[in-house]
């Protein structure tokens, strides 16, 4: 199965309404900007930063996943999310969430890897 990109998800804690999440997002954007990353997506609860010269080199900063039951540790974009879902189910992997079509244009599911990490497997529509 072709992998399009792998993105680590860096949690910054949950937004408890104190207003700290936007400041944390700005601080992370500034820090990773020093390393050459630029903001390419920001939904408030997740911000993705990418390298302008290598756009698939990305980092996502997350307060919490707004539709999933947990914040995933890693996101893997694949060519065919349903084929990967069928394969991991056949293998007996624990499905944590989905599959689901999200309003921001992805189809995804969460699966637990052998180390207990939650992986967000997705394809863009």
PDB file of N, CA and C in Angstrom:
ATOM      1  N   UNK A   1       0.847  -1.179   0.000  1.00  0.00           N
ATOM      2  CA  UNK A   1       0.000   0.000   0.000  1.00  0.00           C
ATOM      3  C   UNK A   1       0.888   1.237   0.000  1.00  0.00           C
ATOM      4  N   UNK A   2       0.749   2.113  -0.989  1.00  0.00           N
ATOM      5  CA  UNK A   2       1.569   3.335  -1.011  1.00  0.00           C
ATOM      6  C   UNK A   2       1.244   4.284   0.147  1.00  0.00           C
ATOM      7  N   UNK A   3       2.285   4.747   0.808  1.00  0.00           N
ATOM      8  CA  UNK A   3       2.167   5.738   1.873  1.00  0.00           C
ATOM      9  C   UNK A   3       2.469   7.101   1.262  1.00  0.00           C
ATOM     10  N   UNK A   4       1.589   8.056   1.484  1.00  0.00           N
ATOM     11  CA  UNK A   4       1.788   9.403   0.936  1.00  0.00           C
ATOM     12  C   UNK A   4       2.593  10.282   1.879  1.00  0.00           C
ATOM     13  N   UNK A   5       2.380  10.141   3.181  1.00  0.00           N
ATOM     14  CA  UNK A   5       3.138  10.913   4.164  1.00  0.00           C
ATOM     15  C   UNK A   5       2.907  10.343   5.555  1.00  0.00           C
ATOM     16  N   UNK A   6       3.840  10.617   6.442  1.00  0.00           N
ATOM     17  CA  UNK A   6       3.739  10.245   7.846  1.00  0.00           C
ATOM     18  C   UNK A   6       3.934  11.527   8.645  1.00  0.00           C
ATOM     19  N   UNK A   7       3.013  11.794   9.573  1.00  0.00           N
ATOM     20  CA  UNK A   7       3.034  13.053  10.317  1.00  0.00           C
ATOM     21  C   UNK A   7       2.957  12.767  11.812  1.00  0.00           C
ATOM     22  N   UNK A   8       3.993  13.158  12.589  1.00  0.00           N
ATOM     23  CA  UNK A   8       3.869  13.029  14.037  1.00  0.00           C
ATOM     24  C   UNK A   8       2.866  14.059  14.559  1.00  0.00           C
ATOM     25  N   UNK A   9       2.058  13.657  15.526  1.00  0.00           N
ATOM     26  CA  UNK A   9       1.086  14.539  16.167  1.00  0.00           C
ATOM     27  C   UNK A   9       1.631  14.899  17.541  1.00  0.00           C
ATOM     28  N   UNK A  10       1.894  16.176  17.745  1.00  0.00           N
ATOM     29  CA  UNK A  10       2.462  16.644  18.999  1.00  0.00           C
ATOM     30  C   UNK A  10       1.333  17.243  19.840  1.00  0.00           C
ATOM     31  N   UNK A  11       0.998  16.613  20.965  1.00  0.00           N
ATOM     32  CA  UNK A  11      -0.098  17.139  21.792  1.00  0.00           C
ATOM     33  C   UNK A  11       0.368  18.343  22.607  1.00  0.00           C
ATOM     34  N   UNK A  12      -0.522  19.314  22.755  1.00  0.00           N
ATOM     35  CA  UNK A  12      -0.219  20.466  23.609  1.00  0.00           C
ATOM     36  C   UNK A  12      -1.201  20.544  24.764  1.00  0.00           C
ATOM     37  N   UNK A  13      -1.929  19.481  25.031  1.00  0.00           N
ATOM     38  CA  UNK A  13      -2.918  19.482  26.097  1.00  0.00           C
ATOM     39  C   UNK A  13      -4.272  19.864  25.536  1.00  0.00           C
ATOM     40  N   UNK A  14      -5.275  19.805  26.368  1.00  0.00           N
ATOM     41  CA  UNK A  14      -6.625  20.127  25.912  1.00  0.00           C
ATOM     42  C   UNK A  14      -6.913  21.592  26.113  1.00  0.00           C
ATOM     43  N   UNK A  15      -7.797  22.109  25.291  1.00  0.00           N
ATOM     44  CA  UNK A  15      -8.233  23.486  25.433  1.00  0.00           C
ATOM     45  C   UNK A  15      -9.349  23.520  26.469  1.00  0.00           C
ATOM     46  N   UNK A  16      -9.034  24.016  27.649  1.00  0.00           N
ATOM     47  CA  UNK A  16     -10.013  24.045  28.738  1.00  0.00           C
ATOM     48  C   UNK A  16     -10.803  25.344  28.772  1.00  0.00           C
ATOM     49  N   UNK A  17     -10.704  26.122  27.706  1.00  0.00           N
ATOM     50  CA  UNK A  17     -11.419  27.381  27.650  1.00  0.00           C
ATOM     51  C   UNK A  17     -10.633  28.538  28.233  1.00  0.00           C
ATOM     52  N   UNK A  18      -9.427  28.282  28.710  1.00  0.00           N
ATOM     53  CA  UNK A  18      -8.642  29.343  29.333  1.00  0.00           C
ATOM     54  C   UNK A  18      -7.983  30.252  28.310  1.00  0.00           C
ATOM     55  N   UNK A  19      -8.025  29.871  27.050  1.00  0.00           N
ATOM     56  CA  UNK A  19      -7.398  30.682  26.020  1.00  0.00           C
ATOM     57  C   UNK A  19      -5.943  30.346  25.783  1.00  0.00           C
ATOM     58  N   UNK A  20      -5.417  29.347  26.491  1.00  0.00           N
ATOM     59  CA  UNK A  20      -4.008  29.005  26.340  1.00  0.00           C
ATOM     60  C   UNK A  20      -3.705  28.258  25.047  1.00  0.00           C
ATOM     61  N   UNK A  21      -4.689  27.563  24.482  1.00  0.00           N
ATOM     62  CA  UNK A  21      -4.450  26.781  23.268  1.00  0.00           C
ATOM     63  C   UNK A  21      -4.018  27.655  22.098  1.00  0.00           C
ATOM     64  N   UNK A  22      -4.672  28.793  21.807  1.00  0.00           N
ATOM     65  CA  UNK A  22      -4.193  29.634  20.697  1.00  0.00           C
ATOM     66  C   UNK A  22      -2.762  30.131  20.910  1.00  0.00           C
ATOM     67  N   UNK A  23      -2.426  30.488  22.134  1.00  0.00           N
ATOM     68  CA  UNK A  23      -1.062  30.949  22.423  1.00  0.00           C
ATOM     69  C   UNK A  23      -0.067  29.810  22.233  1.00  0.00           C
ATOM     70  N   UNK A  24      -0.432  28.611  22.672  1.00  0.00           N
ATOM     71  CA  UNK A  24       0.441  27.451  22.488  1.00  0.00           C
ATOM     72  C   UNK A  24       0.633  27.151  21.000  1.00  0.00           C
ATOM     73  N   UNK A  25      -0.426  27.293  20.214  1.00  0.00           N
ATOM     74  CA  UNK A  25      -0.317  27.087  18.763  1.00  0.00           C
ATOM     75  C   UNK A  25       0.666  28.101  18.171  1.00  0.00           C
ATOM     76  N   UNK A  26       0.511  29.386  18.554  1.00  0.00           N
ATOM     77  CA  UNK A  26       1.415  30.422  18.029  1.00  0.00           C
ATOM     78  C   UNK A  26       2.860  30.149  18.445  1.00  0.00           C
ATOM     79  N   UNK A  27       3.060  29.744  19.693  1.00  0.00           N
ATOM     80  CA  UNK A  27       4.410  29.462  20.177  1.00  0.00           C
ATOM     81  C   UNK A  27       5.039  28.304  19.406  1.00  0.00           C
ATOM     82  N   UNK A  28       4.244  27.276  19.141  1.00  0.00           N
ATOM     83  CA  UNK A  28       4.764  26.135  18.376  1.00  0.00           C
ATOM     84  C   UNK A  28       5.061  26.524  16.930  1.00  0.00           C
ATOM     85  N   UNK A  29       4.182  27.319  16.328  1.00  0.00           N
ATOM     86  CA  UNK A  29       4.420  27.776  14.946  1.00  0.00           C
ATOM     87  C   UNK A  29       5.714  28.580  14.885  1.00  0.00           C
ATOM     88  N   UNK A  30       5.941  29.434  15.864  1.00  0.00           N
ATOM     89  CA  UNK A  30       7.163  30.238  15.891  1.00  0.00           C
ATOM     90  C   UNK A  30       8.395  29.350  16.079  1.00  0.00           C
ATOM     91  N   UNK A  31       8.315  28.406  17.040  1.00  0.00           N
ATOM     92  CA  UNK A  31       9.462  27.526  17.292  1.00  0.00           C
ATOM     93  C   UNK A  31       9.815  26.708  16.052  1.00  0.00           C
ATOM     94  N   UNK A  32       8.818  26.006  15.493  1.00  0.00           N
ATOM     95  CA  UNK A  32       9.094  25.159  14.337  1.00  0.00           C
ATOM     96  C   UNK A  32       9.391  25.983  13.090  1.00  0.00           C
ATOM     97  N   UNK A  33       8.974  27.256  13.088  1.00  0.00           N
ATOM     98  CA  UNK A  33       9.357  28.167  12.009  1.00  0.00           C
ATOM     99  C   UNK A  33      10.862  28.356  11.951  1.00  0.00           C
ATOM    100  N   UNK A  34      11.508  28.344  13.115  1.00  0.00           N
ATOM    101  CA  UNK A  34      12.972  28.442  13.150  1.00  0.00           C
ATOM    102  C   UNK A  34      13.636  27.242  12.476  1.00  0.00           C
ATOM    103  N   UNK A  35      12.910  26.134  12.422  1.00  0.00           N
ATOM    104  CA  UNK A  35      13.438  24.922  11.788  1.00  0.00           C
ATOM    105  C   UNK A  35      13.032  24.825  10.321  1.00  0.00           C
ATOM    106  N   UNK A  36      12.345  25.839   9.814  1.00  0.00           N
ATOM    107  CA  UNK A  36      11.981  25.878   8.402  1.00  0.00           C
ATOM    108  C   UNK A  36      10.564  25.454   8.072  1.00  0.00           C
ATOM    109  N   UNK A  37       9.733  25.218   9.094  1.00  0.00           N
ATOM    110  CA  UNK A  37       8.346  24.814   8.855  1.00  0.00           C
ATOM    111  C   UNK A  37       7.449  26.043   8.722  1.00  0.00           C
ATOM    112  N   UNK A  38       6.414  25.915   7.885  1.00  0.00           N
ATOM    113  CA  UNK A  38       5.410  26.959   7.718  1.00  0.00           C
ATOM    114  C   UNK A  38       4.027  26.354   7.905  1.00  0.00           C
ATOM    115  N   UNK A  39       3.106  27.158   8.434  1.00  0.00           N
ATOM    116  CA  UNK A  39       1.733  26.694   8.645  1.00  0.00           C
ATOM    117  C   UNK A  39       1.045  26.447   7.309  1.00  0.00           C
ATOM    118  N   UNK A  40       0.460  25.243   7.156  1.00  0.00           N
ATOM    119  CA  UNK A  40      -0.279  24.914   5.934  1.00  0.00           C
ATOM    120  C   UNK A  40      -1.749  24.607   6.220  1.00  0.00           C
ATOM    121  N   UNK A  41      -2.093  24.401   7.499  1.00  0.00           N
ATOM    122  CA  UNK A  41      -3.474  24.130   7.875  1.00  0.00           C
ATOM    123  C   UNK A  41      -3.642  24.484   9.344  1.00  0.00           C
ATOM    124  N   UNK A  42      -4.804  25.086   9.664  1.00  0.00           N
ATOM    125  CA  UNK A  42      -5.084  25.380  11.063  1.00  0.00           C
ATOM    126  C   UNK A  42      -6.593  25.360  11.266  1.00  0.00           C
ATOM    127  N   UNK A  43      -7.065  24.351  12.021  1.00  0.00           N
ATOM    128  CA  UNK A  43      -8.484  24.238  12.346  1.00  0.00           C
ATOM    129  C   UNK A  43      -8.748  24.669  13.795  1.00  0.00           C
ATOM    130  N   UNK A  44      -7.776  25.261  14.431  1.00  0.00           N
ATOM    131  CA  UNK A  44      -7.935  25.662  15.830  1.00  0.00           C
ATOM    132  C   UNK A  44      -7.501  24.585  16.798  1.00  0.00           C
ATOM    133  N   UNK A  45      -7.966  23.366  16.590  1.00  0.00           N
ATOM    134  CA  UNK A  45      -7.599  22.240  17.450  1.00  0.00           C
ATOM    135  C   UNK A  45      -6.423  21.454  16.885  1.00  0.00           C
ATOM    136  N   UNK A  46      -6.155  21.628  15.595  1.00  0.00           N
ATOM    137  CA  UNK A  46      -4.992  21.010  14.951  1.00  0.00           C
ATOM    138  C   UNK A  46      -4.402  22.010  13.971  1.00  0.00           C
ATOM    139  N   UNK A  47      -3.086  22.114  14.013  1.00  0.00           N
ATOM    140  CA  UNK A  47      -2.344  22.963  13.094  1.00  0.00           C
ATOM    141  C   UNK A  47      -1.253  22.095  12.476  1.00  0.00           C
ATOM    142  N   UNK A  48      -1.155  22.130  11.159  1.00  0.00           N
ATOM    143  CA  UNK A  48      -0.111  21.367  10.478  1.00  0.00           C
ATOM    144  C   UNK A  48       0.903  22.334   9.900  1.00  0.00           C
ATOM    145  N   UNK A  49       2.168  22.018  10.145  1.00  0.00           N
ATOM    146  CA  UNK A  49       3.293  22.784   9.640  1.00  0.00           C
ATOM    147  C   UNK A  49       4.044  21.907   8.654  1.00  0.00           C
ATOM    148  N   UNK A  50       4.526  22.506   7.564  1.00  0.00           N
ATOM    149  CA  UNK A  50       5.220  21.731   6.537  1.00  0.00           C
ATOM    150  C   UNK A  50       6.460  22.477   6.063  1.00  0.00           C
ATOM    151  N   UNK A  51       7.383  21.716   5.509  1.00  0.00           N
ATOM    152  CA  UNK A  51       8.569  22.284   4.876  1.00  0.00           C
ATOM    153  C   UNK A  51       8.186  22.796   3.494  1.00  0.00           C
ATOM    154  N   UNK A  52       8.475  24.051   3.173  1.00  0.00           N
ATOM    155  CA  UNK A  52       8.153  24.558   1.833  1.00  0.00           C
ATOM    156  C   UNK A  52       8.897  23.799   0.722  1.00  0.00           C
ATOM    157  N   UNK A  53      10.112  23.341   1.006  1.00  0.00           N
ATOM    158  CA  UNK A  53      10.884  22.643  -0.026  1.00  0.00           C
ATOM    159  C   UNK A  53      10.532  21.165  -0.138  1.00  0.00           C
ATOM    160  N   UNK A  54       9.974  20.589   0.915  1.00  0.00           N
ATOM    161  CA  UNK A  54       9.554  19.184   0.933  1.00  0.00           C
ATOM    162  C   UNK A  54       8.188  19.124   1.614  1.00  0.00           C
ATOM    163  N   UNK A  55       7.097  19.418   0.888  1.00  0.00           N
ATOM    164  CA  UNK A  55       5.777  19.580   1.503  1.00  0.00           C
ATOM    165  C   UNK A  55       5.239  18.370   2.272  1.00  0.00           C
ATOM    166  N   UNK A  56       5.760  17.175   2.035  1.00  0.00           N
ATOM    167  CA  UNK A  56       5.288  16.024   2.804  1.00  0.00           C
ATOM    168  C   UNK A  56       6.027  15.872   4.134  1.00  0.00           C
ATOM    169  N   UNK A  57       7.049  16.699   4.367  1.00  0.00           N
ATOM    170  CA  UNK A  57       7.719  16.731   5.671  1.00  0.00           C
ATOM    171  C   UNK A  57       6.874  17.637   6.561  1.00  0.00           C
ATOM    172  N   UNK A  58       6.114  17.035   7.480  1.00  0.00           N
ATOM    173  CA  UNK A  58       5.126  17.772   8.246  1.00  0.00           C
ATOM    174  C   UNK A  58       5.136  17.385   9.722  1.00  0.00           C
ATOM    175  N   UNK A  59       4.597  18.307  10.535  1.00  0.00           N
ATOM    176  CA  UNK A  59       4.357  18.095  11.959  1.00  0.00           C
ATOM    177  C   UNK A  59       2.967  18.654  12.238  1.00  0.00           C
ATOM    178  N   UNK A  60       2.168  17.940  13.005  1.00  0.00           N
ATOM    179  CA  UNK A  60       0.874  18.479  13.433  1.00  0.00           C
ATOM    180  C   UNK A  60       0.914  18.726  14.929  1.00  0.00           C
ATOM    181  N   UNK A  61       0.418  19.889  15.333  1.00  0.00           N
ATOM    182  CA  UNK A  61       0.303  20.271  16.733  1.00  0.00           C
ATOM    183  C   UNK A  61      -1.188  20.182  17.061  1.00  0.00           C
ATOM    184  N   UNK A  62      -1.540  19.450  18.123  1.00  0.00           N
ATOM    185  CA  UNK A  62      -2.958  19.212  18.435  1.00  0.00           C
ATOM    186  C   UNK A  62      -3.275  19.518  19.887  1.00  0.00           C
ATOM    187  N   UNK A  63      -4.435  20.167  20.096  1.00  0.00           N
ATOM    188  CA  UNK A  63      -4.947  20.289  21.462  1.00  0.00           C
ATOM    189  C   UNK A  63      -5.624  18.979  21.840  1.00  0.00           C
ATOM    190  N   UNK A  64      -6.493  18.503  20.964  1.00  0.00           N
ATOM    191  CA  UNK A  64      -7.198  17.222  21.125  1.00  0.00           C
ATOM    192  C   UNK A  64      -7.907  16.957  19.813  1.00  0.00           C
ATOM    193  N   UNK A  65      -8.141  15.716  19.496  1.00  0.00           N
ATOM    194  CA  UNK A  65      -8.881  15.388  18.286  1.00  0.00           C
ATOM    195  C   UNK A  65     -10.357  15.659  18.562  1.00  0.00           C
ATOM    196  N   UNK A  66     -10.998  16.497  17.738  1.00  0.00           N
ATOM    197  CA  UNK A  66     -12.372  16.908  18.039  1.00  0.00           C
ATOM    198  C   UNK A  66     -13.426  15.862  17.704  1.00  0.00           C
ATOM    199  N   UNK A  67     -13.124  14.872  16.883  1.00  0.00           N
ATOM    200  CA  UNK A  67     -14.122  13.841  16.585  1.00  0.00           C
ATOM    201  C   UNK A  67     -13.707  12.456  17.037  1.00  0.00           C
ATOM    202  N   UNK A  68     -12.430  12.212  17.176  1.00  0.00           N
ATOM    203  CA  UNK A  68     -11.967  10.903  17.621  1.00  0.00           C
ATOM    204  C   UNK A  68     -11.993  10.795  19.132  1.00  0.00           C
ATOM    205  N   UNK A  69     -11.993   9.571  19.650  1.00  0.00           N
ATOM    206  CA  UNK A  69     -12.078   9.367  21.091  1.00  0.00           C
ATOM    207  C   UNK A  69     -10.779   9.666  21.835  1.00  0.00           C
ATOM    208  N   UNK A  70      -9.667   9.708  21.118  1.00  0.00           N
ATOM    209  CA  UNK A  70      -8.353   9.994  21.706  1.00  0.00           C
ATOM    210  C   UNK A  70      -7.553  10.829  20.702  1.00  0.00           C
ATOM    211  N   UNK A  71      -6.469  11.404  21.183  1.00  0.00           N
ATOM    212  CA  UNK A  71      -5.559  12.114  20.289  1.00  0.00           C
ATOM    213  C   UNK A  71      -4.550  11.103  19.765  1.00  0.00           C
ATOM    214  N   UNK A  72      -4.492  10.897  18.452  1.00  0.00           N
ATOM    215  CA  UNK A  72      -3.561   9.905  17.908  1.00  0.00           C
ATOM    216  C   UNK A  72      -2.118  10.360  18.035  1.00  0.00           C
ATOM    217  N   UNK A  73      -1.226   9.384  18.112  1.00  0.00           N
ATOM    218  CA  UNK A  73       0.204   9.664  18.228  1.00  0.00           C
ATOM    219  C   UNK A  73       0.847   9.996  16.884  1.00  0.00           C
ATOM    220  N   UNK A  74       0.283   9.447  15.830  1.00  0.00           N
ATOM    221  CA  UNK A  74       0.897   9.533  14.512  1.00  0.00           C
ATOM    222  C   UNK A  74      -0.210   9.481  13.471  1.00  0.00           C
ATOM    223  N   UNK A  75      -0.034  10.205  12.379  1.00  0.00           N
ATOM    224  CA  UNK A  75      -0.964  10.116  11.253  1.00  0.00           C
ATOM    225  C   UNK A  75      -0.218   9.568  10.050  1.00  0.00           C
ATOM    226  N   UNK A  76      -0.851   8.642   9.357  1.00  0.00           N
ATOM    227  CA  UNK A  76      -0.277   8.054   8.140  1.00  0.00           C
ATOM    228  C   UNK A  76      -1.303   8.218   7.030  1.00  0.00           C
ATOM    229  N   UNK A  77      -0.941   8.990   6.020  1.00  0.00           N
ATOM    230  CA  UNK A  77      -1.824   9.148   4.865  1.00  0.00           C
ATOM    231  C   UNK A  77      -1.491   8.065   3.857  1.00  0.00           C
ATOM    232  N   UNK A  78      -2.500   7.301   3.476  1.00  0.00           N
ATOM    233  CA  UNK A  78      -2.334   6.205   2.527  1.00  0.00           C
ATOM    234  C   UNK A  78      -3.179   6.471   1.289  1.00  0.00           C
ATOM    235  N   UNK A  79      -2.908   5.717   0.255  1.00  0.00           N
ATOM    236  CA  UNK A  79      -3.647   5.876  -0.988  1.00  0.00           C
ATOM    237  C   UNK A  79      -5.093   5.405  -0.860  1.00  0.00           C
ATOM    238  N   UNK A  80      -5.312   4.281  -0.159  1.00  0.00           N
ATOM    239  CA  UNK A  80      -6.649   3.702  -0.052  1.00  0.00           C
ATOM    240  C   UNK A  80      -6.912   3.285   1.392  1.00  0.00           C
ATOM    241  N   UNK A  81      -7.550   4.177   2.151  1.00  0.00           N
ATOM    242  CA  UNK A  81      -7.777   3.939   3.569  1.00  0.00           C
ATOM    243  C   UNK A  81      -8.648   2.708   3.815  1.00  0.00           C
ATOM    244  N   UNK A  82      -9.622   2.454   2.939  1.00  0.00           N
ATOM    245  CA  UNK A  82     -10.498   1.301   3.144  1.00  0.00           C
ATOM    246  C   UNK A  82      -9.758  -0.018   2.949  1.00  0.00           C
ATOM    247  N   UNK A  83      -8.824  -0.057   2.018  1.00  0.00           N
ATOM    248  CA  UNK A  83      -8.022  -1.272   1.816  1.00  0.00           C
ATOM    249  C   UNK A  83      -7.141  -1.538   3.038  1.00  0.00           C
ATOM    250  N   UNK A  84      -6.542  -0.473   3.604  1.00  0.00           N
ATOM    251  CA  UNK A  84      -5.716  -0.644   4.797  1.00  0.00           C
ATOM    252  C   UNK A  84      -6.580  -1.076   5.979  1.00  0.00           C
ATOM    253  N   UNK A  85      -7.753  -0.473   6.107  1.00  0.00           N
ATOM    254  CA  UNK A  85      -8.675  -0.854   7.182  1.00  0.00           C
ATOM    255  C   UNK A  85      -8.999  -2.345   7.099  1.00  0.00           C
ATOM    256  N   UNK A  86      -9.358  -2.815   5.920  1.00  0.00           N
ATOM    257  CA  UNK A  86      -9.697  -4.236   5.741  1.00  0.00           C
ATOM    258  C   UNK A  86      -8.512  -5.127   6.119  1.00  0.00           C
ATOM    259  N   UNK A  87      -7.317  -4.703   5.761  1.00  0.00           N
ATOM    260  CA  UNK A  87      -6.120  -5.501   6.045  1.00  0.00           C
ATOM    261  C   UNK A  87      -5.831  -5.576   7.544  1.00  0.00           C
ATOM    262  N   UNK A  88      -5.913  -4.445   8.259  1.00  0.00           N
ATOM    263  CA  UNK A  88      -5.599  -4.487   9.689  1.00  0.00           C
ATOM    264  C   UNK A  88      -6.694  -5.200  10.486  1.00  0.00           C
ATOM    265  N   UNK A  89      -7.943  -5.096  10.044  1.00  0.00           N
ATOM    266  CA  UNK A  89      -9.032  -5.837  10.695  1.00  0.00           C
ATOM    267  C   UNK A  89      -8.810  -7.330  10.500  1.00  0.00           C
ATOM    268  N   UNK A  90      -8.459  -7.716   9.290  1.00  0.00           N
ATOM    269  CA  UNK A  90      -8.183  -9.125   8.988  1.00  0.00           C
ATOM    270  C   UNK A  90      -7.036  -9.649   9.851  1.00  0.00           C
ATOM    271  N   UNK A  91      -6.089  -8.766  10.163  1.00  0.00           N
ATOM    272  CA  UNK A  91      -4.938  -9.139  10.989  1.00  0.00           C
ATOM    273  C   UNK A  91      -5.260  -9.154  12.485  1.00  0.00           C
ATOM    274  N   UNK A  92      -6.447  -8.659  12.859  1.00  0.00           N
ATOM    275  CA  UNK A  92      -6.856  -8.676  14.255  1.00  0.00           C
ATOM    276  C   UNK A  92      -6.439  -7.455  15.064  1.00  0.00           C
ATOM    277  N   UNK A  93      -6.034  -6.381  14.397  1.00  0.00           N
ATOM    278  CA  UNK A  93      -5.622  -5.173  15.115  1.00  0.00           C
ATOM    279  C   UNK A  93      -6.822  -4.521  15.787  1.00  0.00           C
ATOM    280  N   UNK A  94      -6.557  -3.813  16.872  1.00  0.00           N
ATOM    281  CA  UNK A  94      -7.616  -3.117  17.605  1.00  0.00           C
ATOM    282  C   UNK A  94      -7.970  -1.804  16.897  1.00  0.00           C
ATOM    283  N   UNK A  95      -9.212  -1.685  16.477  1.00  0.00           N
ATOM    284  CA  UNK A  95      -9.703  -0.452  15.875  1.00  0.00           C
ATOM    285  C   UNK A  95     -10.212   0.431  17.017  1.00  0.00           C
ATOM    286  N   UNK A  96      -9.686   1.637  17.108  1.00  0.00           N
ATOM    287  CA  UNK A  96     -10.025   2.562  18.173  1.00  0.00           C
ATOM    288  C   UNK A  96     -11.152   3.503  17.756  1.00  0.00           C
ATOM    289  N   UNK A  97     -11.241   3.800  16.451  1.00  0.00           N
ATOM    290  CA  UNK A  97     -12.234   4.745  15.942  1.00  0.00           C
ATOM    291  C   UNK A  97     -12.409   4.535  14.441  1.00  0.00           C
ATOM    292  N   UNK A  98     -13.659   4.673  13.992  1.00  0.00           N
ATOM    293  CA  UNK A  98     -13.941   4.701  12.558  1.00  0.00           C
ATOM    294  C   UNK A  98     -14.070   3.337  11.930  1.00  0.00           C
ATOM    295  N   UNK A  99     -14.063   3.336  10.614  1.00  0.00           N
ATOM    296  CA  UNK A  99     -13.737   4.419   9.684  1.00  0.00           C
ATOM    297  C   UNK A  99     -14.844   5.473   9.618  1.00  0.00           C
ATOM    298  N   UNK A 100     -14.423   6.704   9.327  1.00  0.00           N
ATOM    299  CA  UNK A 100     -15.354   7.823   9.290  1.00  0.00           C
ATOM    300  C   UNK A 100     -14.934   8.834   8.234  1.00  0.00           C
ATOM    301  N   UNK A 101     -15.929   9.440   7.609  1.00  0.00           N
ATOM    302  CA  UNK A 101     -15.702  10.553   6.688  1.00  0.00           C
ATOM    303  C   UNK A 101     -15.832  11.831   7.502  1.00  0.00           C
ATOM    304  N   UNK A 102     -14.747  12.587   7.594  1.00  0.00           N
ATOM    305  CA  UNK A 102     -14.736  13.803   8.406  1.00  0.00           C
ATOM    306  C   UNK A 102     -15.064  15.019   7.549  1.00  0.00           C
ATOM    307  N   UNK A 103     -15.646  16.021   8.181  1.00  0.00           N
ATOM    308  CA  UNK A 103     -16.104  17.217   7.459  1.00  0.00           C
ATOM    309  C   UNK A 103     -14.965  18.010   6.826  1.00  0.00           C
ATOM    310  N   UNK A 104     -13.726  17.806   7.265  1.00  0.00           N
ATOM    311  CA  UNK A 104     -12.606  18.554   6.702  1.00  0.00           C
ATOM    312  C   UNK A 104     -11.948  17.821   5.518  1.00  0.00           C
ATOM    313  N   UNK A 105     -12.640  16.802   4.992  1.00  0.00           N
ATOM    314  CA  UNK A 105     -12.212  16.212   3.730  1.00  0.00           C
ATOM    315  C   UNK A 105     -11.338  14.982   3.796  1.00  0.00           C
ATOM    316  N   UNK A 106     -11.370  14.263   4.906  1.00  0.00           N
ATOM    317  CA  UNK A 106     -10.602  13.019   4.983  1.00  0.00           C
ATOM    318  C   UNK A 106     -11.518  11.869   5.373  1.00  0.00           C
ATOM    319  N   UNK A 107     -11.135  10.685   4.969  1.00  0.00           N
ATOM    320  CA  UNK A 107     -11.730   9.435   5.472  1.00  0.00           C
ATOM    321  C   UNK A 107     -10.632   8.816   6.311  1.00  0.00           C
ATOM    322  N   UNK A 108     -10.968   8.390   7.528  1.00  0.00           N
ATOM    323  CA  UNK A 108      -9.923   7.909   8.429  1.00  0.00           C
ATOM    324  C   UNK A 108     -10.443   6.901   9.435  1.00  0.00           C
ATOM    325  N   UNK A 109      -9.489   6.226  10.050  1.00  0.00           N
ATOM    326  CA  UNK A 109      -9.765   5.369  11.208  1.00  0.00           C
ATOM    327  C   UNK A 109      -8.534   5.396  12.096  1.00  0.00           C
ATOM    328  N   UNK A 110      -8.731   5.039  13.362  1.00  0.00           N
ATOM    329  CA  UNK A 110      -7.623   4.933  14.314  1.00  0.00           C
ATOM    330  C   UNK A 110      -7.422   3.450  14.608  1.00  0.00           C
ATOM    331  N   UNK A 111      -6.171   3.033  14.636  1.00  0.00           N
ATOM    332  CA  UNK A 111      -5.822   1.656  14.964  1.00  0.00           C
ATOM    333  C   UNK A 111      -4.679   1.683  15.974  1.00  0.00           C
ATOM    334  N   UNK A 112      -4.680   0.722  16.897  1.00  0.00           N
ATOM    335  CA  UNK A 112      -3.611   0.645  17.895  1.00  0.00           C
ATOM    336  C   UNK A 112      -2.495  -0.246  17.360  1.00  0.00           C
ATOM    337  N   UNK A 113      -1.262   0.259  17.412  1.00  0.00           N
ATOM    338  CA  UNK A 113      -0.121  -0.531  16.946  1.00  0.00           C
ATOM    339  C   UNK A 113       0.322  -1.502  18.040  1.00  0.00           C
ATOM    340  N   UNK A 114       1.264  -2.414  17.762  1.00  0.00           N
ATOM    341  CA  UNK A 114       1.681  -3.389  18.772  1.00  0.00           C
ATOM    342  C   UNK A 114       2.294  -2.771  20.029  1.00  0.00           C
ATOM    343  N   UNK A 115       2.703  -1.492  19.957  1.00  0.00           N
ATOM    344  CA  UNK A 115       3.293  -0.804  21.109  1.00  0.00           C
ATOM    345  C   UNK A 115       2.266  -0.015  21.913  1.00  0.00           C
ATOM    346  N   UNK A 116       0.993  -0.090  21.494  1.00  0.00           N
ATOM    347  CA  UNK A 116      -0.051   0.630  22.197  1.00  0.00           C
ATOM    348  C   UNK A 116      -0.301   2.038  21.685  1.00  0.00           C
ATOM    349  N   UNK A 117       0.440   2.470  20.680  1.00  0.00           N
ATOM    350  CA  UNK A 117       0.269   3.801  20.097  1.00  0.00           C
ATOM    351  C   UNK A 117      -0.943   3.815  19.173  1.00  0.00           C
ATOM    352  N   UNK A 118      -1.665   4.936  19.182  1.00  0.00           N
ATOM    353  CA  UNK A 118      -2.824   5.074  18.314  1.00  0.00           C
ATOM    354  C   UNK A 118      -2.396   5.777  17.028  1.00  0.00           C
ATOM    355  N   UNK A 119      -2.676   5.114  15.912  1.00  0.00           N
ATOM    356  CA  UNK A 119      -2.295   5.612  14.594  1.00  0.00           C
ATOM    357  C   UNK A 119      -3.554   6.049  13.866  1.00  0.00           C
ATOM    358  N   UNK A 120      -3.538   7.276  13.374  1.00  0.00           N
ATOM    359  CA  UNK A 120      -4.611   7.845  12.553  1.00  0.00           C
ATOM    360  C   UNK A 120      -4.263   7.517  11.092  1.00  0.00           C
ATOM    361  N   UNK A 121      -5.024   6.635  10.483  1.00  0.00           N
ATOM    362  CA  UNK A 121      -4.787   6.245   9.086  1.00  0.00           C
ATOM    363  C   UNK A 121      -5.834   6.978   8.245  1.00  0.00           C
ATOM    364  N   UNK A 122      -5.403   7.700   7.239  1.00  0.00           N
ATOM    365  CA  UNK A 122      -6.328   8.553   6.491  1.00  0.00           C
ATOM    366  C   UNK A 122      -6.014   8.622   5.007  1.00  0.00           C
ATOM    367  N   UNK A 123      -7.034   9.021   4.270  1.00  0.00           N
ATOM    368  CA  UNK A 123      -6.929   9.389   2.851  1.00  0.00           C
ATOM    369  C   UNK A 123      -7.746  10.651   2.663  1.00  0.00           C
ATOM    370  N   UNK A 124      -7.261  11.553   1.826  1.00  0.00           N
ATOM    371  CA  UNK A 124      -8.034  12.754   1.492  1.00  0.00           C
ATOM    372  C   UNK A 124      -9.048  12.417   0.402  1.00  0.00           C
ATOM    373  N   UNK A 125     -10.219  13.068   0.466  1.00  0.00           N
ATOM    374  CA  UNK A 125     -11.249  12.859  -0.569  1.00  0.00           C
ATOM    375  C   UNK A 125     -10.837  13.557  -1.846  1.00  0.00           C
TER     376      UNK A 125
END
